């Protein structure tokens, strides 16, 4: 089981996570480009990421966040393990 972050901070430009063993920061553009929802996997809902910002982060149980972006995209679920992988 992956670690759950001790703290989550959302800014328009980035998601900051404090893990038991350190911290990570992921840019809004990186997170948007890494979306694994069905539309993004099929190439129907990709953003070029240039001006995309984070608008909201909603918890999904104890295992993930649902991120909402300034381009209106809100279908991506980002499990903690995936966020840890993106940060490395």
PDB file of N, CA and C in Angstrom:
ATOM      1  N   UNK A   1       0.846  -1.183   0.000  1.00  0.00           N
ATOM      2  CA  UNK A   1       0.000   0.000   0.000  1.00  0.00           C
ATOM      3  C   UNK A   1       0.889   1.243   0.000  1.00  0.00           C
ATOM      4  N   UNK A   2       0.523   2.231  -0.773  1.00  0.00           N
ATOM      5  CA  UNK A   2       1.321   3.435  -0.844  1.00  0.00           C
ATOM      6  C   UNK A   2       1.064   4.311   0.373  1.00  0.00           C
ATOM      7  N   UNK A   3       2.000   5.192   0.609  1.00  0.00           N
ATOM      8  CA  UNK A   3       1.872   6.132   1.705  1.00  0.00           C
ATOM      9  C   UNK A   3       0.801   7.162   1.382  1.00  0.00           C
ATOM     10  N   UNK A   4       0.195   7.682   2.412  1.00  0.00           N
ATOM     11  CA  UNK A   4      -0.757   8.770   2.286  1.00  0.00           C
ATOM     12  C   UNK A   4      -0.019  10.030   2.727  1.00  0.00           C
ATOM     13  N   UNK A   5      -0.138  11.112   1.979  1.00  0.00           N
ATOM     14  CA  UNK A   5       0.588  12.319   2.375  1.00  0.00           C
ATOM     15  C   UNK A   5       0.082  12.868   3.709  1.00  0.00           C
ATOM     16  N   UNK A   6       1.007  13.472   4.440  1.00  0.00           N
ATOM     17  CA  UNK A   6       0.664  14.097   5.711  1.00  0.00           C
ATOM     18  C   UNK A   6       0.014  15.455   5.499  1.00  0.00           C
ATOM     19  N   UNK A   7       0.331  16.104   4.375  1.00  0.00           N
ATOM     20  CA  UNK A   7      -0.240  17.409   4.064  1.00  0.00           C
ATOM     21  C   UNK A   7      -0.346  17.563   2.549  1.00  0.00           C
ATOM     22  N   UNK A   8      -1.396  18.252   2.118  1.00  0.00           N
ATOM     23  CA  UNK A   8      -1.634  18.539   0.705  1.00  0.00           C
ATOM     24  C   UNK A   8      -1.879  20.041   0.592  1.00  0.00           C
ATOM     25  N   UNK A   9      -1.124  20.692  -0.282  1.00  0.00           N
ATOM     26  CA  UNK A   9      -1.311  22.123  -0.520  1.00  0.00           C
ATOM     27  C   UNK A   9      -1.517  22.338  -2.014  1.00  0.00           C
ATOM     28  N   UNK A  10      -2.580  23.035  -2.332  1.00  0.00           N
ATOM     29  CA  UNK A  10      -2.915  23.318  -3.727  1.00  0.00           C
ATOM     30  C   UNK A  10      -2.733  24.806  -3.991  1.00  0.00           C
ATOM     31  N   UNK A  11      -1.981  25.118  -5.031  1.00  0.00           N
ATOM     32  CA  UNK A  11      -1.893  26.478  -5.537  1.00  0.00           C
ATOM     33  C   UNK A  11      -2.304  26.410  -7.008  1.00  0.00           C
ATOM     34  N   UNK A  12      -2.583  27.523  -7.636  1.00  0.00           N
ATOM     35  CA  UNK A  12      -2.918  27.456  -9.060  1.00  0.00           C
ATOM     36  C   UNK A  12      -1.814  26.826  -9.902  1.00  0.00           C
ATOM     37  N   UNK A  13      -0.568  26.991  -9.498  1.00  0.00           N
ATOM     38  CA  UNK A  13       0.559  26.517 -10.298  1.00  0.00           C
ATOM     39  C   UNK A  13       1.010  25.103  -9.973  1.00  0.00           C
ATOM     40  N   UNK A  14       0.715  24.614  -8.761  1.00  0.00           N
ATOM     41  CA  UNK A  14       1.305  23.329  -8.367  1.00  0.00           C
ATOM     42  C   UNK A  14       0.539  22.659  -7.233  1.00  0.00           C
ATOM     43  N   UNK A  15       0.770  21.366  -7.127  1.00  0.00           N
ATOM     44  CA  UNK A  15       0.286  20.549  -6.017  1.00  0.00           C
ATOM     45  C   UNK A  15       1.508  20.180  -5.183  1.00  0.00           C
ATOM     46  N   UNK A  16       1.483  20.537  -3.914  1.00  0.00           N
ATOM     47  CA  UNK A  16       2.591  20.210  -3.004  1.00  0.00           C
ATOM     48  C   UNK A  16       2.106  19.155  -2.025  1.00  0.00           C
ATOM     49  N   UNK A  17       2.903  18.110  -1.904  1.00  0.00           N
ATOM     50  CA  UNK A  17       2.564  16.988  -1.028  1.00  0.00           C
ATOM     51  C   UNK A  17       3.707  16.751  -0.052  1.00  0.00           C
ATOM     52  N   UNK A  18       3.371  16.596   1.220  1.00  0.00           N
ATOM     53  CA  UNK A  18       4.381  16.233   2.218  1.00  0.00           C
ATOM     54  C   UNK A  18       4.124  14.787   2.633  1.00  0.00           C
ATOM     55  N   UNK A  19       5.096  13.939   2.289  1.00  0.00           N
ATOM     56  CA  UNK A  19       5.021  12.510   2.557  1.00  0.00           C
ATOM     57  C   UNK A  19       5.760  12.206   3.861  1.00  0.00           C
ATOM     58  N   UNK A  20       5.550  11.033   4.445  1.00  0.00           N
ATOM     59  CA  UNK A  20       6.291  10.663   5.652  1.00  0.00           C
ATOM     60  C   UNK A  20       7.816  10.713   5.455  1.00  0.00           C
ATOM     61  N   UNK A  21       8.269  10.507   4.221  1.00  0.00           N
ATOM     62  CA  UNK A  21       9.718  10.465   3.970  1.00  0.00           C
ATOM     63  C   UNK A  21      10.230  11.653   3.150  1.00  0.00           C
ATOM     64  N   UNK A  22       9.435  12.712   3.004  1.00  0.00           N
ATOM     65  CA  UNK A  22       9.900  13.870   2.244  1.00  0.00           C
ATOM     66  C   UNK A  22       8.741  14.633   1.627  1.00  0.00           C
ATOM     67  N   UNK A  23       9.071  15.516   0.711  1.00  0.00           N
ATOM     68  CA  UNK A  23       8.058  16.351   0.073  1.00  0.00           C
ATOM     69  C   UNK A  23       8.224  16.304  -1.440  1.00  0.00           C
ATOM     70  N   UNK A  24       7.147  16.616  -2.137  1.00  0.00           N
ATOM     71  CA  UNK A  24       7.210  16.691  -3.598  1.00  0.00           C
ATOM     72  C   UNK A  24       6.297  17.813  -4.065  1.00  0.00           C
ATOM     73  N   UNK A  25       6.611  18.324  -5.256  1.00  0.00           N
ATOM     74  CA  UNK A  25       5.799  19.359  -5.878  1.00  0.00           C
ATOM     75  C   UNK A  25       5.628  18.991  -7.346  1.00  0.00           C
ATOM     76  N   UNK A  26       4.387  19.010  -7.797  1.00  0.00           N
ATOM     77  CA  UNK A  26       4.063  18.686  -9.186  1.00  0.00           C
ATOM     78  C   UNK A  26       3.346  19.875  -9.807  1.00  0.00           C
ATOM     79  N   UNK A  27       3.840  20.322 -10.943  1.00  0.00           N
ATOM     80  CA  UNK A  27       3.231  21.482 -11.604  1.00  0.00           C
ATOM     81  C   UNK A  27       1.863  21.120 -12.172  1.00  0.00           C
ATOM     82  N   UNK A  28       1.028  22.124 -12.306  1.00  0.00           N
ATOM     83  CA  UNK A  28      -0.301  21.929 -12.894  1.00  0.00           C
ATOM     84  C   UNK A  28      -0.181  21.359 -14.302  1.00  0.00           C
ATOM     85  N   UNK A  29       0.744  21.873 -15.088  1.00  0.00           N
ATOM     86  CA  UNK A  29       0.921  21.390 -16.462  1.00  0.00           C
ATOM     87  C   UNK A  29       1.324  19.921 -16.479  1.00  0.00           C
ATOM     88  N   UNK A  30       2.217  19.519 -15.591  1.00  0.00           N
ATOM     89  CA  UNK A  30       2.655  18.116 -15.527  1.00  0.00           C
ATOM     90  C   UNK A  30       1.482  17.206 -15.144  1.00  0.00           C
ATOM     91  N   UNK A  31       0.713  17.627 -14.158  1.00  0.00           N
ATOM     92  CA  UNK A  31      -0.428  16.831 -13.723  1.00  0.00           C
ATOM     93  C   UNK A  31      -1.476  16.713 -14.816  1.00  0.00           C
ATOM     94  N   UNK A  32      -1.744  17.801 -15.509  1.00  0.00           N
ATOM     95  CA  UNK A  32      -2.745  17.766 -16.596  1.00  0.00           C
ATOM     96  C   UNK A  32      -2.290  16.838 -17.712  1.00  0.00           C
ATOM     97  N   UNK A  33      -1.011  16.904 -18.050  1.00  0.00           N
ATOM     98  CA  UNK A  33      -0.475  16.048 -19.114  1.00  0.00           C
ATOM     99  C   UNK A  33      -0.482  14.579 -18.708  1.00  0.00           C
ATOM    100  N   UNK A  34      -0.433  14.299 -17.410  1.00  0.00           N
ATOM    101  CA  UNK A  34      -0.368  12.923 -16.920  1.00  0.00           C
ATOM    102  C   UNK A  34      -1.740  12.316 -16.637  1.00  0.00           C
ATOM    103  N   UNK A  35      -2.801  13.037 -16.935  1.00  0.00           N
ATOM    104  CA  UNK A  35      -4.137  12.525 -16.651  1.00  0.00           C
ATOM    105  C   UNK A  35      -4.357  11.181 -17.345  1.00  0.00           C
ATOM    106  N   UNK A  36      -4.937  10.240 -16.598  1.00  0.00           N
ATOM    107  CA  UNK A  36      -5.171   8.898 -17.129  1.00  0.00           C
ATOM    108  C   UNK A  36      -6.656   8.577 -17.298  1.00  0.00           C
ATOM    109  N   UNK A  37      -7.505   9.599 -17.351  1.00  0.00           N
ATOM    110  CA  UNK A  37      -8.934   9.328 -17.543  1.00  0.00           C
ATOM    111  C   UNK A  37      -9.157   8.762 -18.948  1.00  0.00           C
ATOM    112  N   UNK A  38     -10.302   8.201 -19.184  1.00  0.00           N
ATOM    113  CA  UNK A  38     -10.605   7.587 -20.472  1.00  0.00           C
ATOM    114  C   UNK A  38     -10.498   8.550 -21.640  1.00  0.00           C
ATOM    115  N   UNK A  39     -11.000   9.771 -21.477  1.00  0.00           N
ATOM    116  CA  UNK A  39     -10.923  10.755 -22.562  1.00  0.00           C
ATOM    117  C   UNK A  39      -9.479  11.114 -22.881  1.00  0.00           C
ATOM    118  N   UNK A  40      -8.672  11.305 -21.856  1.00  0.00           N
ATOM    119  CA  UNK A  40      -7.270  11.669 -22.100  1.00  0.00           C
ATOM    120  C   UNK A  40      -6.496  10.500 -22.712  1.00  0.00           C
ATOM    121  N   UNK A  41      -6.766   9.294 -22.249  1.00  0.00           N
ATOM    122  CA  UNK A  41      -6.094   8.126 -22.835  1.00  0.00           C
ATOM    123  C   UNK A  41      -6.433   7.975 -24.312  1.00  0.00           C
ATOM    124  N   UNK A  42      -7.654   8.351 -24.669  1.00  0.00           N
ATOM    125  CA  UNK A  42      -8.077   8.249 -26.066  1.00  0.00           C
ATOM    126  C   UNK A  42      -7.660   9.483 -26.873  1.00  0.00           C
ATOM    127  N   UNK A  43      -7.040  10.451 -26.218  1.00  0.00           N
ATOM    128  CA  UNK A  43      -6.575  11.642 -26.915  1.00  0.00           C
ATOM    129  C   UNK A  43      -7.650  12.660 -27.205  1.00  0.00           C
ATOM    130  N   UNK A  44      -8.819  12.525 -26.583  1.00  0.00           N
ATOM    131  CA  UNK A  44      -9.922  13.442 -26.844  1.00  0.00           C
ATOM    132  C   UNK A  44      -9.917  14.666 -25.932  1.00  0.00           C
ATOM    133  N   UNK A  45      -9.151  14.637 -24.861  1.00  0.00           N
ATOM    134  CA  UNK A  45      -9.212  15.732 -23.885  1.00  0.00           C
ATOM    135  C   UNK A  45      -7.820  16.075 -23.382  1.00  0.00           C
ATOM    136  N   UNK A  46      -6.958  16.446 -24.263  1.00  0.00           N
ATOM    137  CA  UNK A  46      -5.596  16.825 -23.874  1.00  0.00           C
ATOM    138  C   UNK A  46      -5.447  18.333 -23.924  1.00  0.00           C
ATOM    139  N   UNK A  47      -4.742  18.839 -22.956  1.00  0.00           N
ATOM    140  CA  UNK A  47      -4.414  20.266 -22.920  1.00  0.00           C
ATOM    141  C   UNK A  47      -2.942  20.401 -23.264  1.00  0.00           C
ATOM    142  N   UNK A  48      -2.580  21.489 -23.906  1.00  0.00           N
ATOM    143  CA  UNK A  48      -1.161  21.692 -24.187  1.00  0.00           C
ATOM    144  C   UNK A  48      -0.413  22.082 -22.922  1.00  0.00           C
ATOM    145  N   UNK A  49      -1.146  22.406 -21.845  1.00  0.00           N
ATOM    146  CA  UNK A  49      -0.539  22.647 -20.552  1.00  0.00           C
ATOM    147  C   UNK A  49       0.105  24.006 -20.382  1.00  0.00           C
ATOM    148  N   UNK A  50       0.105  24.826 -21.413  1.00  0.00           N
ATOM    149  CA  UNK A  50       0.825  26.091 -21.329  1.00  0.00           C
ATOM    150  C   UNK A  50       0.269  26.979 -20.229  1.00  0.00           C
ATOM    151  N   UNK A  51      -1.033  27.200 -20.201  1.00  0.00           N
ATOM    152  CA  UNK A  51      -1.624  28.106 -19.223  1.00  0.00           C
ATOM    153  C   UNK A  51      -2.564  27.409 -18.247  1.00  0.00           C
ATOM    154  N   UNK A  52      -2.540  26.109 -18.189  1.00  0.00           N
ATOM    155  CA  UNK A  52      -3.460  25.396 -17.313  1.00  0.00           C
ATOM    156  C   UNK A  52      -3.065  25.619 -15.852  1.00  0.00           C
ATOM    157  N   UNK A  53      -4.081  25.758 -15.014  1.00  0.00           N
ATOM    158  CA  UNK A  53      -3.865  25.923 -13.581  1.00  0.00           C
ATOM    159  C   UNK A  53      -4.738  24.931 -12.833  1.00  0.00           C
ATOM    160  N   UNK A  54      -4.384  24.695 -11.594  1.00  0.00           N
ATOM    161  CA  UNK A  54      -5.193  23.853 -10.729  1.00  0.00           C
ATOM    162  C   UNK A  54      -6.267  24.719 -10.077  1.00  0.00           C
ATOM    163  N   UNK A  55      -7.502  24.269 -10.151  1.00  0.00           N
ATOM    164  CA  UNK A  55      -8.618  25.011  -9.576  1.00  0.00           C
ATOM    165  C   UNK A  55      -9.113  24.394  -8.274  1.00  0.00           C
ATOM    166  N   UNK A  56      -8.975  23.059  -8.136  1.00  0.00           N
ATOM    167  CA  UNK A  56      -9.494  22.383  -6.945  1.00  0.00           C
ATOM    168  C   UNK A  56      -8.892  20.993  -6.854  1.00  0.00           C
ATOM    169  N   UNK A  57      -8.906  20.445  -5.657  1.00  0.00           N
ATOM    170  CA  UNK A  57      -8.497  19.063  -5.416  1.00  0.00           C
ATOM    171  C   UNK A  57      -9.496  18.469  -4.433  1.00  0.00           C
ATOM    172  N   UNK A  58     -10.131  17.387  -4.843  1.00  0.00           N
ATOM    173  CA  UNK A  58     -11.158  16.749  -4.018  1.00  0.00           C
ATOM    174  C   UNK A  58     -10.684  15.354  -3.613  1.00  0.00           C
ATOM    175  N   UNK A  59     -10.786  15.027  -2.330  1.00  0.00           N
ATOM    176  CA  UNK A  59     -10.386  13.680  -1.922  1.00  0.00           C
ATOM    177  C   UNK A  59     -11.304  12.621  -2.516  1.00  0.00           C
ATOM    178  N   UNK A  60     -10.712  11.490  -2.853  1.00  0.00           N
ATOM    179  CA  UNK A  60     -11.454  10.314  -3.307  1.00  0.00           C
ATOM    180  C   UNK A  60     -11.115   9.217  -2.314  1.00  0.00           C
ATOM    181  N   UNK A  61     -11.997   9.017  -1.348  1.00  0.00           N
ATOM    182  CA  UNK A  61     -11.714   8.062  -0.283  1.00  0.00           C
ATOM    183  C   UNK A  61     -10.407   8.407   0.401  1.00  0.00           C
ATOM    184  N   UNK A  62      -9.656   7.369   0.732  1.00  0.00           N
ATOM    185  CA  UNK A  62      -8.351   7.535   1.369  1.00  0.00           C
ATOM    186  C   UNK A  62      -7.212   7.262   0.398  1.00  0.00           C
ATOM    187  N   UNK A  63      -7.530   7.086  -0.896  1.00  0.00           N
ATOM    188  CA  UNK A  63      -6.502   6.603  -1.817  1.00  0.00           C
ATOM    189  C   UNK A  63      -6.107   7.567  -2.930  1.00  0.00           C
ATOM    190  N   UNK A  64      -6.842   8.704  -3.107  1.00  0.00           N
ATOM    191  CA  UNK A  64      -6.565   9.518  -4.290  1.00  0.00           C
ATOM    192  C   UNK A  64      -7.128  10.928  -4.156  1.00  0.00           C
ATOM    193  N   UNK A  65      -6.773  11.739  -5.159  1.00  0.00           N
ATOM    194  CA  UNK A  65      -7.357  13.066  -5.339  1.00  0.00           C
ATOM    195  C   UNK A  65      -7.989  13.141  -6.721  1.00  0.00           C
ATOM    196  N   UNK A  66      -9.086  13.862  -6.812  1.00  0.00           N
ATOM    197  CA  UNK A  66      -9.652  14.236  -8.098  1.00  0.00           C
ATOM    198  C   UNK A  66      -9.245  15.683  -8.308  1.00  0.00           C
ATOM    199  N   UNK A  67      -8.499  15.941  -9.370  1.00  0.00           N
ATOM    200  CA  UNK A  67      -8.018  17.289  -9.640  1.00  0.00           C
ATOM    201  C   UNK A  67      -8.912  17.984 -10.658  1.00  0.00           C
ATOM    202  N   UNK A  68      -9.145  19.265 -10.419  1.00  0.00           N
ATOM    203  CA  UNK A  68      -9.934  20.098 -11.316  1.00  0.00           C
ATOM    204  C   UNK A  68      -8.998  21.166 -11.870  1.00  0.00           C
ATOM    205  N   UNK A  69      -9.005  21.319 -13.193  1.00  0.00           N
ATOM    206  CA  UNK A  69      -8.100  22.243 -13.867  1.00  0.00           C
ATOM    207  C   UNK A  69      -8.858  23.433 -14.439  1.00  0.00           C
ATOM    208  N   UNK A  70      -8.123  24.506 -14.685  1.00  0.00           N
ATOM    209  CA  UNK A  70      -8.721  25.741 -15.192  1.00  0.00           C
ATOM    210  C   UNK A  70      -9.310  25.591 -16.587  1.00  0.00           C
ATOM    211  N   UNK A  71      -8.919  24.541 -17.326  1.00  0.00           N
ATOM    212  CA  UNK A  71      -9.506  24.307 -18.643  1.00  0.00           C
ATOM    213  C   UNK A  71     -10.831  23.548 -18.557  1.00  0.00           C
ATOM    214  N   UNK A  72     -11.317  23.339 -17.315  1.00  0.00           N
ATOM    215  CA  UNK A  72     -12.588  22.662 -17.099  1.00  0.00           C
ATOM    216  C   UNK A  72     -12.473  21.168 -16.903  1.00  0.00           C
ATOM    217  N   UNK A  73     -11.312  20.598 -17.132  1.00  0.00           N
ATOM    218  CA  UNK A  73     -11.145  19.159 -17.006  1.00  0.00           C
ATOM    219  C   UNK A  73     -11.200  18.752 -15.537  1.00  0.00           C
ATOM    220  N   UNK A  74     -12.036  17.762 -15.221  1.00  0.00           N
ATOM    221  CA  UNK A  74     -12.176  17.314 -13.831  1.00  0.00           C
ATOM    222  C   UNK A  74     -12.419  15.813 -13.726  1.00  0.00           C
ATOM    223  N   UNK A  75     -12.001  15.071 -14.733  1.00  0.00           N
ATOM    224  CA  UNK A  75     -12.290  13.636 -14.751  1.00  0.00           C
ATOM    225  C   UNK A  75     -11.154  12.773 -14.240  1.00  0.00           C
ATOM    226  N   UNK A  76      -9.996  13.346 -14.045  1.00  0.00           N
ATOM    227  CA  UNK A  76      -8.836  12.561 -13.639  1.00  0.00           C
ATOM    228  C   UNK A  76      -8.809  12.257 -12.157  1.00  0.00           C
ATOM    229  N   UNK A  77      -8.545  11.004 -11.832  1.00  0.00           N
ATOM    230  CA  UNK A  77      -8.346  10.569 -10.459  1.00  0.00           C
ATOM    231  C   UNK A  77      -6.860  10.239 -10.326  1.00  0.00           C
ATOM    232  N   UNK A  78      -6.230  10.807  -9.334  1.00  0.00           N
ATOM    233  CA  UNK A  78      -4.790  10.677  -9.135  1.00  0.00           C
ATOM    234  C   UNK A  78      -4.528   9.938  -7.825  1.00  0.00           C
ATOM    235  N   UNK A  79      -4.352   8.615  -7.865  1.00  0.00           N
ATOM    236  CA  UNK A  79      -4.038   7.858  -6.645  1.00  0.00           C
ATOM    237  C   UNK A  79      -2.703   8.317  -6.053  1.00  0.00           C
ATOM    238  N   UNK A  80      -2.578   8.171  -4.740  1.00  0.00           N
ATOM    239  CA  UNK A  80      -1.339   8.584  -4.069  1.00  0.00           C
ATOM    240  C   UNK A  80      -0.124   7.917  -4.696  1.00  0.00           C
ATOM    241  N   UNK A  81      -0.222   6.637  -5.020  1.00  0.00           N
ATOM    242  CA  UNK A  81       0.923   5.924  -5.610  1.00  0.00           C
ATOM    243  C   UNK A  81       1.309   6.541  -6.951  1.00  0.00           C
ATOM    244  N   UNK A  82       0.329   6.959  -7.742  1.00  0.00           N
ATOM    245  CA  UNK A  82       0.608   7.587  -9.042  1.00  0.00           C
ATOM    246  C   UNK A  82       1.275   8.952  -8.834  1.00  0.00           C
ATOM    247  N   UNK A  83       0.808   9.713  -7.861  1.00  0.00           N
ATOM    248  CA  UNK A  83       1.431  11.005  -7.567  1.00  0.00           C
ATOM    249  C   UNK A  83       2.872  10.830  -7.086  1.00  0.00           C
ATOM    250  N   UNK A  84       3.112   9.802  -6.287  1.00  0.00           N
ATOM    251  CA  UNK A  84       4.493   9.526  -5.860  1.00  0.00           C
ATOM    252  C   UNK A  84       5.362   9.176  -7.062  1.00  0.00           C
ATOM    253  N   UNK A  85       4.844   8.375  -7.968  1.00  0.00           N
ATOM    254  CA  UNK A  85       5.596   7.980  -9.164  1.00  0.00           C
ATOM    255  C   UNK A  85       5.875   9.193 -10.046  1.00  0.00           C
ATOM    256  N   UNK A  86       4.900  10.069 -10.228  1.00  0.00           N
ATOM    257  CA  UNK A  86       5.094  11.263 -11.047  1.00  0.00           C
ATOM    258  C   UNK A  86       6.169  12.185 -10.468  1.00  0.00           C
ATOM    259  N   UNK A  87       6.298  12.174  -9.159  1.00  0.00           N
ATOM    260  CA  UNK A  87       7.237  13.079  -8.493  1.00  0.00           C
ATOM    261  C   UNK A  87       8.682  12.586  -8.561  1.00  0.00           C
ATOM    262  N   UNK A  88       8.887  11.349  -8.974  1.00  0.00           N
ATOM    263  CA  UNK A  88      10.263  10.836  -9.006  1.00  0.00           C
ATOM    264  C   UNK A  88      10.870  10.970 -10.382  1.00  0.00           C
TER     265      UNK A  88
END
